[in-house]
Amino acid sequence: MSPGSRRSPVPGLLKGLATTARTLARPTHTAEYPDTKPALPPRSRGVIALTEENCTSCMLCARECPDWCIYIDSHKETLPATTEGGRERQRNVLDRFAIDFSLCMYCSICVEVCPFDALHWSPEFEYAETDIRDLLHEKDRLGQWMQTVPPPPALDPAAAEPAEVAAANRPPRTGLRERPAPRTARGTSPAAAPSDTPAPPPGEDA
């Protein structure tokens, strides 16, 4: 390479400085976390919260979990009969409900398959630990996350009324409805059905 073919680094340096000068005048869009908290959407998958009163220990969430990171222990409890001559009932009592967030893949399957709305998503994500074993959240800690679960969004004004709300607002029945008149095989009422009594001969009164 001849000495005349070498390019000077000064033009490239000046071009870079000009780009830097133009950028200095522009407003910044960087959120300096943790000084500035991010504005997360309400359906963000941060951490799973538990409503212990709704859990029936059906094990559906633990069976459907792809990572097997949900641990549930329960026992059966016998309830006495509420009426005389009634039968005793049994119910499941939840002893342990834990989620290992070091294994969780945040797929939301457990939240979707729960038939009693015991699991909810919270947008909180600041639960990092220095020890991986502390990412195993027991039911007490999962219950504390319920305070951070946002309320459900309002329904669309043009949407149909939910079946639960319609059933609650329906007036109670005051009496039994009147039974319709029985029908014959031909679909006529008994008054219009032909009688089995033979008709009198002509000229005689019935």
N, C-alpha and C. Protein backbone atom coordinates (compact mmCIF):
# COMPACT_ATOMS: atom_id res chain seq x y z
N MET A 1 0.86 -1.18 0.00
CA MET A 1 0.00 0.00 0.00
C MET A 1 0.90 1.23 0.00
N SER A 2 0.60 2.13 -0.90
CA SER A 2 1.39 3.34 -1.01
C SER A 2 0.99 4.32 0.08
N PRO A 3 1.89 5.20 0.48
CA PRO A 3 1.56 6.17 1.53
C PRO A 3 0.40 7.08 1.15
N GLY A 4 0.23 7.35 -0.19
CA GLY A 4 -0.86 8.26 -0.59
C GLY A 4 -2.24 7.64 -0.48
N SER A 5 -2.30 6.28 -0.44
CA SER A 5 -3.61 5.63 -0.39
C SER A 5 -4.19 5.53 1.02
N ARG A 6 -3.43 5.86 2.03
CA ARG A 6 -3.95 5.82 3.39
C ARG A 6 -4.91 6.98 3.64
N ARG A 7 -6.01 6.64 4.30
CA ARG A 7 -7.01 7.67 4.59
C ARG A 7 -6.78 8.22 5.99
N SER A 8 -7.06 9.49 6.15
CA SER A 8 -6.90 10.13 7.44
C SER A 8 -8.07 9.78 8.34
N PRO A 9 -7.87 9.50 9.62
CA PRO A 9 -8.99 9.21 10.54
C PRO A 9 -9.76 10.44 10.97
N VAL A 10 -9.32 11.60 10.59
CA VAL A 10 -9.99 12.83 11.05
C VAL A 10 -11.42 12.95 10.50
N PRO A 11 -11.68 12.70 9.21
CA PRO A 11 -13.08 12.84 8.74
C PRO A 11 -14.04 11.90 9.47
N GLY A 12 -13.62 10.67 9.69
CA GLY A 12 -14.50 9.75 10.42
C GLY A 12 -14.74 10.17 11.85
N LEU A 13 -13.70 10.73 12.48
CA LEU A 13 -13.84 11.22 13.85
C LEU A 13 -14.79 12.40 13.92
N LEU A 14 -14.66 13.31 12.95
CA LEU A 14 -15.55 14.47 12.92
C LEU A 14 -17.00 14.05 12.65
N LYS A 15 -17.18 13.03 11.81
CA LYS A 15 -18.54 12.56 11.52
C LYS A 15 -19.19 11.95 12.77
N GLY A 16 -18.40 11.20 13.53
CA GLY A 16 -18.92 10.63 14.77
C GLY A 16 -19.26 11.69 15.79
N LEU A 17 -18.42 12.75 15.88
CA LEU A 17 -18.71 13.84 16.82
C LEU A 17 -19.96 14.60 16.41
N ALA A 18 -20.18 14.74 15.11
CA ALA A 18 -21.39 15.42 14.65
C ALA A 18 -22.64 14.62 15.00
N THR A 19 -22.57 13.30 14.88
CA THR A 19 -23.71 12.47 15.27
C THR A 19 -23.98 12.58 16.77
N THR A 20 -22.92 12.63 17.54
CA THR A 20 -23.08 12.78 18.99
C THR A 20 -23.70 14.12 19.34
N ALA A 21 -23.30 15.17 18.65
CA ALA A 21 -23.84 16.50 18.92
C ALA A 21 -25.32 16.58 18.58
N ARG A 22 -25.73 15.92 17.48
CA ARG A 22 -27.14 15.93 17.14
C ARG A 22 -27.97 15.15 18.16
N THR A 23 -27.43 14.07 18.68
CA THR A 23 -28.16 13.25 19.64
C THR A 23 -28.32 13.95 20.99
N LEU A 24 -27.37 14.82 21.33
CA LEU A 24 -27.45 15.52 22.62
C LEU A 24 -28.67 16.42 22.71
N ALA A 25 -29.16 16.91 21.60
CA ALA A 25 -30.29 17.83 21.62
C ALA A 25 -31.63 17.11 21.65
N ARG A 26 -31.64 15.80 21.48
CA ARG A 26 -32.89 15.05 21.47
C ARG A 26 -33.27 14.63 22.89
N PRO A 27 -34.58 14.57 23.18
CA PRO A 27 -35.01 14.12 24.52
C PRO A 27 -34.76 12.62 24.68
N THR A 28 -34.44 12.22 25.87
CA THR A 28 -34.15 10.82 26.14
C THR A 28 -35.44 10.06 26.44
N HIS A 29 -35.46 8.78 26.08
CA HIS A 29 -36.60 7.91 26.34
C HIS A 29 -36.20 6.74 27.25
N THR A 30 -35.08 6.83 27.86
CA THR A 30 -34.60 5.75 28.71
C THR A 30 -35.17 5.91 30.12
N ALA A 31 -35.80 4.84 30.62
CA ALA A 31 -36.31 4.84 31.99
C ALA A 31 -35.21 4.30 32.89
N GLU A 32 -34.71 5.15 33.77
CA GLU A 32 -33.59 4.77 34.62
C GLU A 32 -34.10 3.97 35.81
N TYR A 33 -34.22 2.67 35.60
CA TYR A 33 -34.64 1.77 36.67
C TYR A 33 -33.47 1.58 37.63
N PRO A 34 -33.67 1.52 38.94
CA PRO A 34 -34.94 1.48 39.68
C PRO A 34 -35.47 2.83 40.13
N ASP A 35 -34.80 3.94 39.72
CA ASP A 35 -35.33 5.25 40.11
C ASP A 35 -36.68 5.52 39.47
N THR A 36 -36.86 5.05 38.24
CA THR A 36 -38.12 5.21 37.53
C THR A 36 -38.75 3.85 37.34
N LYS A 37 -39.90 3.64 37.95
CA LYS A 37 -40.58 2.36 37.84
C LYS A 37 -41.25 2.24 36.47
N PRO A 38 -41.17 1.06 35.85
CA PRO A 38 -41.82 0.89 34.55
C PRO A 38 -43.34 0.84 34.69
N ALA A 39 -44.03 1.37 33.70
CA ALA A 39 -45.49 1.34 33.67
C ALA A 39 -45.91 0.05 32.98
N LEU A 40 -46.19 -0.98 33.77
CA LEU A 40 -46.51 -2.30 33.22
C LEU A 40 -48.01 -2.42 32.97
N PRO A 41 -48.41 -3.14 31.94
CA PRO A 41 -49.84 -3.38 31.72
C PRO A 41 -50.41 -4.25 32.83
N PRO A 42 -51.71 -4.14 33.10
CA PRO A 42 -52.29 -4.89 34.24
C PRO A 42 -52.22 -6.39 34.07
N ARG A 43 -52.10 -6.92 32.86
CA ARG A 43 -52.06 -8.36 32.65
C ARG A 43 -50.64 -8.88 32.52
N SER A 44 -49.68 -8.15 33.06
CA SER A 44 -48.29 -8.61 33.02
C SER A 44 -48.12 -9.85 33.90
N ARG A 45 -47.27 -10.75 33.45
CA ARG A 45 -47.01 -11.98 34.19
C ARG A 45 -45.77 -11.78 35.07
N GLY A 46 -46.01 -11.26 36.25
CA GLY A 46 -44.91 -11.02 37.16
C GLY A 46 -44.73 -12.13 38.16
N VAL A 47 -45.74 -12.35 38.98
CA VAL A 47 -45.70 -13.41 40.00
C VAL A 47 -47.12 -13.92 40.17
N ILE A 48 -47.25 -15.17 40.58
CA ILE A 48 -48.56 -15.80 40.74
C ILE A 48 -49.00 -15.65 42.19
N ALA A 49 -50.21 -15.17 42.37
CA ALA A 49 -50.79 -14.99 43.71
C ALA A 49 -51.83 -16.07 43.95
N LEU A 50 -52.04 -16.39 45.21
CA LEU A 50 -52.94 -17.48 45.60
C LEU A 50 -54.03 -16.96 46.53
N THR A 51 -55.27 -17.32 46.23
CA THR A 51 -56.39 -17.12 47.15
C THR A 51 -56.68 -18.46 47.80
N GLU A 52 -56.18 -18.65 49.01
CA GLU A 52 -56.24 -19.96 49.66
C GLU A 52 -57.67 -20.42 49.89
N GLU A 53 -58.60 -19.50 50.15
CA GLU A 53 -59.97 -19.89 50.43
C GLU A 53 -60.64 -20.52 49.22
N ASN A 54 -60.19 -20.20 48.00
CA ASN A 54 -60.82 -20.74 46.80
C ASN A 54 -60.23 -22.08 46.37
N CYS A 55 -59.09 -22.45 46.92
CA CYS A 55 -58.42 -23.68 46.48
C CYS A 55 -59.13 -24.89 47.10
N THR A 56 -59.45 -25.87 46.28
CA THR A 56 -60.09 -27.10 46.72
C THR A 56 -59.15 -28.30 46.65
N SER A 57 -57.88 -28.07 46.40
CA SER A 57 -56.88 -29.15 46.30
C SER A 57 -57.26 -30.16 45.21
N CYS A 58 -57.77 -29.66 44.09
CA CYS A 58 -58.14 -30.56 43.00
C CYS A 58 -56.93 -31.05 42.22
N MET A 59 -55.76 -30.44 42.44
CA MET A 59 -54.50 -30.85 41.82
C MET A 59 -54.48 -30.62 40.30
N LEU A 60 -55.45 -29.88 39.78
CA LEU A 60 -55.50 -29.67 38.34
C LEU A 60 -54.33 -28.82 37.86
N CYS A 61 -53.98 -27.78 38.62
CA CYS A 61 -52.87 -26.91 38.22
C CYS A 61 -51.55 -27.66 38.28
N ALA A 62 -51.37 -28.51 39.31
CA ALA A 62 -50.11 -29.26 39.44
C ALA A 62 -49.97 -30.29 38.32
N ARG A 63 -51.08 -30.89 37.90
CA ARG A 63 -51.01 -31.90 36.84
C ARG A 63 -50.76 -31.27 35.48
N GLU A 64 -51.29 -30.07 35.25
CA GLU A 64 -51.14 -29.43 33.95
C GLU A 64 -49.84 -28.64 33.81
N CYS A 65 -49.12 -28.42 34.91
CA CYS A 65 -47.89 -27.62 34.86
C CYS A 65 -46.83 -28.35 34.04
N PRO A 66 -46.28 -27.73 32.97
CA PRO A 66 -45.27 -28.42 32.17
C PRO A 66 -43.96 -28.63 32.92
N ASP A 67 -43.66 -27.78 33.90
CA ASP A 67 -42.39 -27.88 34.62
C ASP A 67 -42.51 -28.59 35.96
N TRP A 68 -43.71 -28.96 36.36
CA TRP A 68 -43.93 -29.63 37.65
C TRP A 68 -43.32 -28.81 38.79
N CYS A 69 -43.61 -27.53 38.79
CA CYS A 69 -43.06 -26.64 39.81
C CYS A 69 -44.08 -26.27 40.88
N ILE A 70 -45.25 -26.91 40.88
CA ILE A 70 -46.29 -26.65 41.87
C ILE A 70 -46.39 -27.85 42.79
N TYR A 71 -46.35 -27.60 44.08
CA TYR A 71 -46.39 -28.66 45.08
C TYR A 71 -47.59 -28.44 45.99
N ILE A 72 -48.47 -29.44 46.08
CA ILE A 72 -49.70 -29.34 46.85
C ILE A 72 -49.80 -30.54 47.78
N ASP A 73 -50.09 -30.29 49.04
CA ASP A 73 -50.37 -31.33 50.03
C ASP A 73 -51.69 -30.97 50.71
N SER A 74 -52.52 -31.99 50.94
CA SER A 74 -53.81 -31.76 51.58
C SER A 74 -54.23 -33.02 52.32
N HIS A 75 -55.24 -32.88 53.14
CA HIS A 75 -55.83 -34.02 53.84
C HIS A 75 -57.34 -33.83 53.88
N LYS A 76 -58.05 -34.93 54.11
CA LYS A 76 -59.50 -34.90 54.14
C LYS A 76 -59.99 -34.67 55.57
N GLU A 77 -61.04 -33.91 55.67
CA GLU A 77 -61.64 -33.58 56.96
C GLU A 77 -63.12 -33.91 56.91
N THR A 78 -63.61 -34.58 57.93
CA THR A 78 -65.01 -34.98 57.99
C THR A 78 -65.84 -33.90 58.66
N LEU A 79 -66.90 -33.49 58.00
CA LEU A 79 -67.79 -32.47 58.54
C LEU A 79 -69.05 -33.15 59.06
N PRO A 80 -69.49 -32.82 60.26
CA PRO A 80 -70.72 -33.45 60.79
C PRO A 80 -71.94 -33.03 59.99
N ALA A 81 -72.98 -33.82 60.14
CA ALA A 81 -74.23 -33.53 59.43
C ALA A 81 -74.85 -32.26 59.98
N THR A 82 -75.38 -31.46 59.10
CA THR A 82 -75.99 -30.19 59.51
C THR A 82 -77.44 -30.35 59.92
N THR A 83 -78.08 -31.44 59.54
CA THR A 83 -79.47 -31.69 59.90
C THR A 83 -79.58 -33.07 60.55
N GLU A 84 -80.63 -33.26 61.30
CA GLU A 84 -80.85 -34.54 61.97
C GLU A 84 -81.13 -35.62 60.93
N GLY A 85 -80.42 -36.71 61.05
CA GLY A 85 -80.57 -37.79 60.08
C GLY A 85 -79.79 -37.57 58.81
N GLY A 86 -79.04 -36.46 58.74
CA GLY A 86 -78.25 -36.19 57.54
C GLY A 86 -76.99 -37.03 57.49
N ARG A 87 -76.24 -36.84 56.43
CA ARG A 87 -75.04 -37.63 56.21
C ARG A 87 -73.81 -36.74 56.36
N GLU A 88 -72.77 -37.30 56.94
CA GLU A 88 -71.53 -36.56 57.08
C GLU A 88 -70.88 -36.33 55.72
N ARG A 89 -70.18 -35.22 55.62
CA ARG A 89 -69.50 -34.87 54.38
C ARG A 89 -68.00 -34.77 54.62
N GLN A 90 -67.25 -34.88 53.55
CA GLN A 90 -65.80 -34.74 53.61
C GLN A 90 -65.35 -33.62 52.68
N ARG A 91 -64.33 -32.92 53.11
CA ARG A 91 -63.76 -31.86 52.29
C ARG A 91 -62.24 -31.92 52.37
N ASN A 92 -61.58 -31.36 51.35
CA ASN A 92 -60.13 -31.30 51.33
C ASN A 92 -59.65 -30.05 52.04
N VAL A 93 -58.68 -30.22 52.90
CA VAL A 93 -58.06 -29.10 53.61
C VAL A 93 -56.65 -28.92 53.07
N LEU A 94 -56.34 -27.72 52.63
CA LEU A 94 -55.04 -27.44 52.02
C LEU A 94 -53.98 -27.30 53.10
N ASP A 95 -52.96 -28.16 53.02
CA ASP A 95 -51.84 -28.09 53.95
C ASP A 95 -50.66 -27.32 53.38
N ARG A 96 -50.39 -27.51 52.11
CA ARG A 96 -49.25 -26.84 51.49
C ARG A 96 -49.58 -26.53 50.03
N PHE A 97 -49.22 -25.33 49.63
CA PHE A 97 -49.30 -24.91 48.23
C PHE A 97 -48.06 -24.07 47.96
N ALA A 98 -47.16 -24.56 47.13
CA ALA A 98 -45.89 -23.87 46.87
C ALA A 98 -45.64 -23.86 45.37
N ILE A 99 -44.99 -22.79 44.92
CA ILE A 99 -44.58 -22.65 43.53
C ILE A 99 -43.10 -22.31 43.51
N ASP A 100 -42.32 -23.08 42.75
CA ASP A 100 -40.89 -22.85 42.61
C ASP A 100 -40.68 -21.97 41.38
N PHE A 101 -40.44 -20.68 41.61
CA PHE A 101 -40.30 -19.74 40.49
C PHE A 101 -38.94 -19.86 39.81
N SER A 102 -38.03 -20.65 40.36
CA SER A 102 -36.80 -20.92 39.62
C SER A 102 -37.03 -21.91 38.50
N LEU A 103 -38.14 -22.64 38.53
CA LEU A 103 -38.51 -23.58 37.47
C LEU A 103 -39.66 -23.08 36.61
N CYS A 104 -40.44 -22.15 37.13
CA CYS A 104 -41.63 -21.69 36.43
C CYS A 104 -41.26 -21.04 35.09
N MET A 105 -42.03 -21.38 34.05
CA MET A 105 -41.81 -20.81 32.72
C MET A 105 -42.85 -19.73 32.38
N TYR A 106 -43.71 -19.36 33.35
CA TYR A 106 -44.66 -18.26 33.20
C TYR A 106 -45.58 -18.47 32.00
N CYS A 107 -46.02 -19.71 31.83
CA CYS A 107 -46.88 -20.04 30.69
C CYS A 107 -48.34 -19.72 30.98
N SER A 108 -48.73 -19.52 32.25
CA SER A 108 -50.08 -19.17 32.68
C SER A 108 -51.08 -20.31 32.55
N ILE A 109 -50.60 -21.53 32.34
CA ILE A 109 -51.54 -22.65 32.24
C ILE A 109 -52.24 -22.88 33.57
N CYS A 110 -51.50 -22.81 34.67
CA CYS A 110 -52.11 -23.06 35.98
C CYS A 110 -53.20 -22.04 36.29
N VAL A 111 -53.00 -20.80 35.90
CA VAL A 111 -54.00 -19.77 36.15
C VAL A 111 -55.25 -20.01 35.30
N GLU A 112 -55.06 -20.48 34.08
CA GLU A 112 -56.18 -20.66 33.17
C GLU A 112 -57.01 -21.90 33.50
N VAL A 113 -56.37 -22.96 33.99
CA VAL A 113 -57.11 -24.20 34.22
C VAL A 113 -57.76 -24.23 35.60
N CYS A 114 -57.43 -23.32 36.48
CA CYS A 114 -58.01 -23.35 37.83
C CYS A 114 -59.52 -23.08 37.72
N PRO A 115 -60.37 -24.02 38.15
CA PRO A 115 -61.81 -23.82 37.98
C PRO A 115 -62.44 -22.92 39.03
N PHE A 116 -61.70 -22.53 40.06
CA PHE A 116 -62.28 -21.75 41.15
C PHE A 116 -61.58 -20.41 41.35
N ASP A 117 -60.81 -19.95 40.39
CA ASP A 117 -60.14 -18.65 40.45
C ASP A 117 -59.31 -18.51 41.72
N ALA A 118 -58.50 -19.52 42.01
CA ALA A 118 -57.61 -19.47 43.16
C ALA A 118 -56.26 -18.86 42.82
N LEU A 119 -55.88 -18.84 41.55
CA LEU A 119 -54.59 -18.32 41.12
C LEU A 119 -54.80 -17.09 40.24
N HIS A 120 -53.96 -16.08 40.47
CA HIS A 120 -54.07 -14.82 39.73
C HIS A 120 -52.66 -14.32 39.41
N TRP A 121 -52.56 -13.55 38.33
CA TRP A 121 -51.29 -12.95 37.95
C TRP A 121 -51.18 -11.57 38.58
N SER A 122 -50.02 -11.30 39.14
CA SER A 122 -49.69 -9.97 39.66
C SER A 122 -48.56 -9.39 38.80
N PRO A 123 -48.60 -8.10 38.50
CA PRO A 123 -47.52 -7.51 37.70
C PRO A 123 -46.22 -7.31 38.46
N GLU A 124 -46.19 -7.60 39.76
CA GLU A 124 -44.96 -7.43 40.54
C GLU A 124 -43.88 -8.41 40.06
N PHE A 125 -42.69 -7.89 39.87
CA PHE A 125 -41.59 -8.73 39.39
C PHE A 125 -40.33 -8.59 40.24
N GLU A 126 -40.36 -7.77 41.26
CA GLU A 126 -39.17 -7.52 42.07
C GLU A 126 -39.11 -8.51 43.24
N TYR A 127 -38.81 -9.75 42.93
CA TYR A 127 -38.65 -10.76 43.98
C TYR A 127 -37.41 -11.60 43.72
N ALA A 128 -36.38 -10.97 43.16
CA ALA A 128 -35.12 -11.66 42.93
C ALA A 128 -34.46 -11.99 44.27
N GLU A 129 -33.75 -13.10 44.31
CA GLU A 129 -33.09 -13.58 45.52
C GLU A 129 -31.63 -13.90 45.23
N THR A 130 -30.81 -13.80 46.24
CA THR A 130 -29.41 -14.20 46.11
C THR A 130 -29.24 -15.71 46.24
N ASP A 131 -30.22 -16.37 46.87
CA ASP A 131 -30.22 -17.82 47.01
C ASP A 131 -31.38 -18.39 46.21
N ILE A 132 -31.10 -19.31 45.32
CA ILE A 132 -32.15 -19.85 44.45
C ILE A 132 -33.20 -20.60 45.24
N ARG A 133 -32.87 -21.09 46.40
CA ARG A 133 -33.85 -21.81 47.21
C ARG A 133 -34.93 -20.90 47.76
N ASP A 134 -34.65 -19.60 47.82
CA ASP A 134 -35.65 -18.65 48.31
C ASP A 134 -36.71 -18.33 47.27
N LEU A 135 -36.55 -18.82 46.04
CA LEU A 135 -37.57 -18.61 45.02
C LEU A 135 -38.72 -19.61 45.13
N LEU A 136 -38.66 -20.49 46.10
CA LEU A 136 -39.77 -21.40 46.39
C LEU A 136 -40.73 -20.68 47.33
N HIS A 137 -41.84 -20.21 46.80
CA HIS A 137 -42.81 -19.44 47.57
C HIS A 137 -43.89 -20.37 48.12
N GLU A 138 -44.03 -20.39 49.43
CA GLU A 138 -45.08 -21.18 50.07
C GLU A 138 -46.40 -20.41 50.03
N LYS A 139 -47.46 -21.04 50.54
CA LYS A 139 -48.80 -20.47 50.40
C LYS A 139 -48.94 -19.15 51.15
N ASP A 140 -48.21 -18.96 52.23
CA ASP A 140 -48.30 -17.70 52.96
C ASP A 140 -47.79 -16.54 52.11
N ARG A 141 -46.65 -16.76 51.46
CA ARG A 141 -46.09 -15.70 50.63
C ARG A 141 -46.90 -15.52 49.35
N LEU A 142 -47.41 -16.62 48.80
CA LEU A 142 -48.26 -16.49 47.62
C LEU A 142 -49.54 -15.73 47.94
N GLY A 143 -50.04 -15.89 49.17
CA GLY A 143 -51.22 -15.14 49.56
C GLY A 143 -50.96 -13.65 49.73
N GLN A 144 -49.74 -13.28 50.11
CA GLN A 144 -49.40 -11.86 50.24
C GLN A 144 -49.37 -11.16 48.89
N TRP A 145 -49.11 -11.89 47.82
CA TRP A 145 -49.08 -11.25 46.50
C TRP A 145 -50.47 -10.84 46.04
N MET A 146 -51.53 -11.34 46.67
CA MET A 146 -52.88 -10.97 46.26
C MET A 146 -53.14 -9.48 46.45
N GLN A 147 -52.42 -8.84 47.35
CA GLN A 147 -52.60 -7.40 47.55
C GLN A 147 -52.14 -6.59 46.35
N THR A 148 -51.30 -7.17 45.50
CA THR A 148 -50.78 -6.45 44.34
C THR A 148 -51.50 -6.82 43.05
N VAL A 149 -52.50 -7.71 43.13
CA VAL A 149 -53.24 -8.09 41.93
C VAL A 149 -54.20 -6.96 41.55
N PRO A 150 -54.13 -6.43 40.34
CA PRO A 150 -55.04 -5.33 39.97
C PRO A 150 -56.46 -5.84 39.81
N PRO A 151 -57.44 -4.97 40.00
CA PRO A 151 -58.85 -5.39 39.81
C PRO A 151 -59.11 -5.71 38.35
N PRO A 152 -60.09 -6.54 38.07
CA PRO A 152 -60.39 -6.88 36.68
C PRO A 152 -60.90 -5.66 35.93
N PRO A 153 -60.65 -5.58 34.64
CA PRO A 153 -61.13 -4.42 33.87
C PRO A 153 -62.65 -4.39 33.81
N ALA A 154 -63.17 -3.21 33.62
CA ALA A 154 -64.62 -3.04 33.53
C ALA A 154 -65.14 -3.67 32.25
N LEU A 155 -66.37 -4.14 32.31
CA LEU A 155 -66.99 -4.76 31.14
C LEU A 155 -67.34 -3.70 30.11
N ASP A 156 -67.39 -4.14 28.87
CA ASP A 156 -67.81 -3.26 27.78
C ASP A 156 -69.28 -2.91 27.98
N PRO A 157 -69.64 -1.63 27.90
CA PRO A 157 -71.06 -1.28 28.09
C PRO A 157 -71.99 -1.99 27.12
N ALA A 158 -71.50 -2.33 25.93
CA ALA A 158 -72.34 -3.00 24.95
C ALA A 158 -72.32 -4.51 25.07
N ALA A 159 -71.56 -5.04 26.03
CA ALA A 159 -71.47 -6.49 26.19
C ALA A 159 -72.72 -7.04 26.86
N ALA A 160 -72.94 -8.33 26.65
CA ALA A 160 -74.08 -8.98 27.27
C ALA A 160 -73.85 -9.14 28.77
N GLU A 161 -74.92 -9.14 29.52
CA GLU A 161 -74.82 -9.28 30.97
C GLU A 161 -74.36 -10.70 31.31
N PRO A 162 -73.39 -10.85 32.21
CA PRO A 162 -72.93 -12.19 32.57
C PRO A 162 -74.07 -13.03 33.13
N ALA A 163 -73.97 -14.34 32.94
CA ALA A 163 -75.04 -15.23 33.40
C ALA A 163 -75.17 -15.20 34.91
N GLU A 164 -74.05 -15.04 35.64
CA GLU A 164 -74.12 -15.01 37.09
C GLU A 164 -74.87 -13.78 37.58
N VAL A 165 -74.61 -12.63 36.92
CA VAL A 165 -75.30 -11.39 37.32
C VAL A 165 -76.78 -11.47 36.97
N ALA A 166 -77.09 -12.02 35.81
CA ALA A 166 -78.49 -12.14 35.41
C ALA A 166 -79.26 -13.05 36.35
N ALA A 167 -78.61 -14.14 36.80
CA ALA A 167 -79.28 -15.06 37.73
C ALA A 167 -79.49 -14.41 39.09
N ALA A 168 -78.54 -13.58 39.53
CA ALA A 168 -78.68 -12.92 40.83
C ALA A 168 -79.77 -11.84 40.79
N ASN A 169 -79.94 -11.18 39.66
CA ASN A 169 -80.94 -10.12 39.55
C ASN A 169 -82.32 -10.63 39.18
N ARG A 170 -82.44 -11.91 38.89
CA ARG A 170 -83.74 -12.45 38.50
C ARG A 170 -84.66 -12.49 39.72
N PRO A 171 -85.90 -12.02 39.62
CA PRO A 171 -86.81 -12.02 40.80
C PRO A 171 -87.14 -13.45 41.21
N PRO A 172 -87.32 -13.68 42.49
CA PRO A 172 -87.64 -15.04 42.96
C PRO A 172 -89.02 -15.47 42.50
N ARG A 173 -89.22 -16.77 42.42
CA ARG A 173 -90.51 -17.31 42.02
C ARG A 173 -91.50 -17.20 43.18
N THR A 174 -92.67 -16.65 42.90
CA THR A 174 -93.68 -16.48 43.95
C THR A 174 -94.64 -17.64 44.03
N GLY A 175 -94.82 -18.38 42.99
CA GLY A 175 -95.75 -19.50 43.00
C GLY A 175 -95.52 -20.38 41.80
N LEU A 176 -96.18 -21.53 41.79
CA LEU A 176 -96.05 -22.45 40.68
C LEU A 176 -96.89 -21.98 39.51
N ARG A 177 -96.39 -22.22 38.35
CA ARG A 177 -97.15 -21.85 37.16
C ARG A 177 -98.31 -22.83 36.96
N GLU A 178 -99.36 -22.34 36.34
CA GLU A 178 -100.52 -23.19 36.10
C GLU A 178 -100.19 -24.22 35.03
N ARG A 179 -100.54 -25.47 35.32
CA ARG A 179 -100.24 -26.54 34.38
C ARG A 179 -101.13 -26.42 33.15
N PRO A 180 -100.57 -26.67 31.98
CA PRO A 180 -101.42 -26.65 30.78
C PRO A 180 -102.34 -27.85 30.76
N ALA A 181 -103.41 -27.73 29.99
CA ALA A 181 -104.37 -28.83 29.88
C ALA A 181 -103.70 -30.02 29.22
N PRO A 182 -103.97 -31.24 29.69
CA PRO A 182 -103.35 -32.43 29.08
C PRO A 182 -103.78 -32.57 27.65
N ARG A 183 -102.90 -33.13 26.86
CA ARG A 183 -103.15 -33.30 25.44
C ARG A 183 -103.34 -34.78 25.13
N THR A 184 -104.10 -35.06 24.13
CA THR A 184 -104.30 -36.44 23.70
C THR A 184 -103.24 -36.81 22.69
N ALA A 185 -103.31 -38.04 22.25
CA ALA A 185 -102.31 -38.52 21.29
C ALA A 185 -102.37 -37.76 19.99
N ARG A 186 -103.57 -37.25 19.63
CA ARG A 186 -103.72 -36.50 18.39
C ARG A 186 -103.34 -35.04 18.54
N GLY A 187 -103.01 -34.64 19.77
CA GLY A 187 -102.64 -33.25 19.99
C GLY A 187 -103.80 -32.34 20.24
N THR A 188 -104.98 -32.89 20.54
CA THR A 188 -106.14 -32.07 20.83
C THR A 188 -106.43 -32.11 22.30
N SER A 189 -107.18 -31.15 22.78
CA SER A 189 -107.55 -31.10 24.19
C SER A 189 -108.66 -32.10 24.47
N PRO A 190 -108.83 -32.49 25.76
CA PRO A 190 -109.88 -33.46 26.08
C PRO A 190 -111.27 -33.00 25.67
N ALA A 191 -111.53 -31.70 25.69
CA ALA A 191 -112.85 -31.22 25.30
C ALA A 191 -113.14 -31.47 23.84
N ALA A 192 -112.07 -31.40 23.01
CA ALA A 192 -112.26 -31.59 21.57
C ALA A 192 -112.06 -33.02 21.14
N ALA A 193 -111.61 -33.90 22.05
CA ALA A 193 -111.35 -35.28 21.68
C ALA A 193 -112.67 -36.02 21.51
N PRO A 194 -112.72 -37.00 20.61
CA PRO A 194 -113.96 -37.76 20.41
C PRO A 194 -114.27 -38.60 21.63
N SER A 195 -115.54 -38.68 21.97
CA SER A 195 -115.98 -39.43 23.15
C SER A 195 -116.17 -40.90 22.79
N ASP A 196 -115.92 -41.77 23.79
CA ASP A 196 -116.12 -43.20 23.58
C ASP A 196 -117.59 -43.60 23.68
N THR A 197 -118.48 -42.71 24.19
CA THR A 197 -119.93 -43.03 24.29
C THR A 197 -120.57 -42.96 22.91
N PRO A 198 -121.29 -44.00 22.49
CA PRO A 198 -121.90 -43.95 21.16
C PRO A 198 -122.98 -42.89 21.09
N ALA A 199 -123.11 -42.29 19.92
CA ALA A 199 -124.09 -41.23 19.72
C ALA A 199 -125.48 -41.86 19.66
N PRO A 200 -126.53 -41.16 20.19
CA PRO A 200 -127.90 -41.70 20.13
C PRO A 200 -128.40 -41.73 18.68
N PRO A 201 -129.31 -42.65 18.42
CA PRO A 201 -129.87 -42.71 17.05
C PRO A 201 -130.66 -41.45 16.72
N PRO A 202 -130.84 -41.17 15.47
CA PRO A 202 -131.57 -39.95 15.07
C PRO A 202 -133.00 -39.98 15.59
N GLY A 203 -133.45 -38.87 16.04
CA GLY A 203 -134.79 -38.74 16.53
C GLY A 203 -134.91 -38.98 18.02
N GLU A 204 -133.88 -39.40 18.73
CA GLU A 204 -133.93 -39.63 20.16
C GLU A 204 -133.07 -38.61 20.87
N ASP A 205 -133.54 -38.27 22.08
CA ASP A 205 -132.76 -37.33 22.88
C ASP A 205 -131.57 -38.06 23.51
N ALA A 206 -130.48 -37.33 23.76
CA ALA A 206 -129.31 -37.94 24.34
C ALA A 206 -129.55 -38.31 25.78
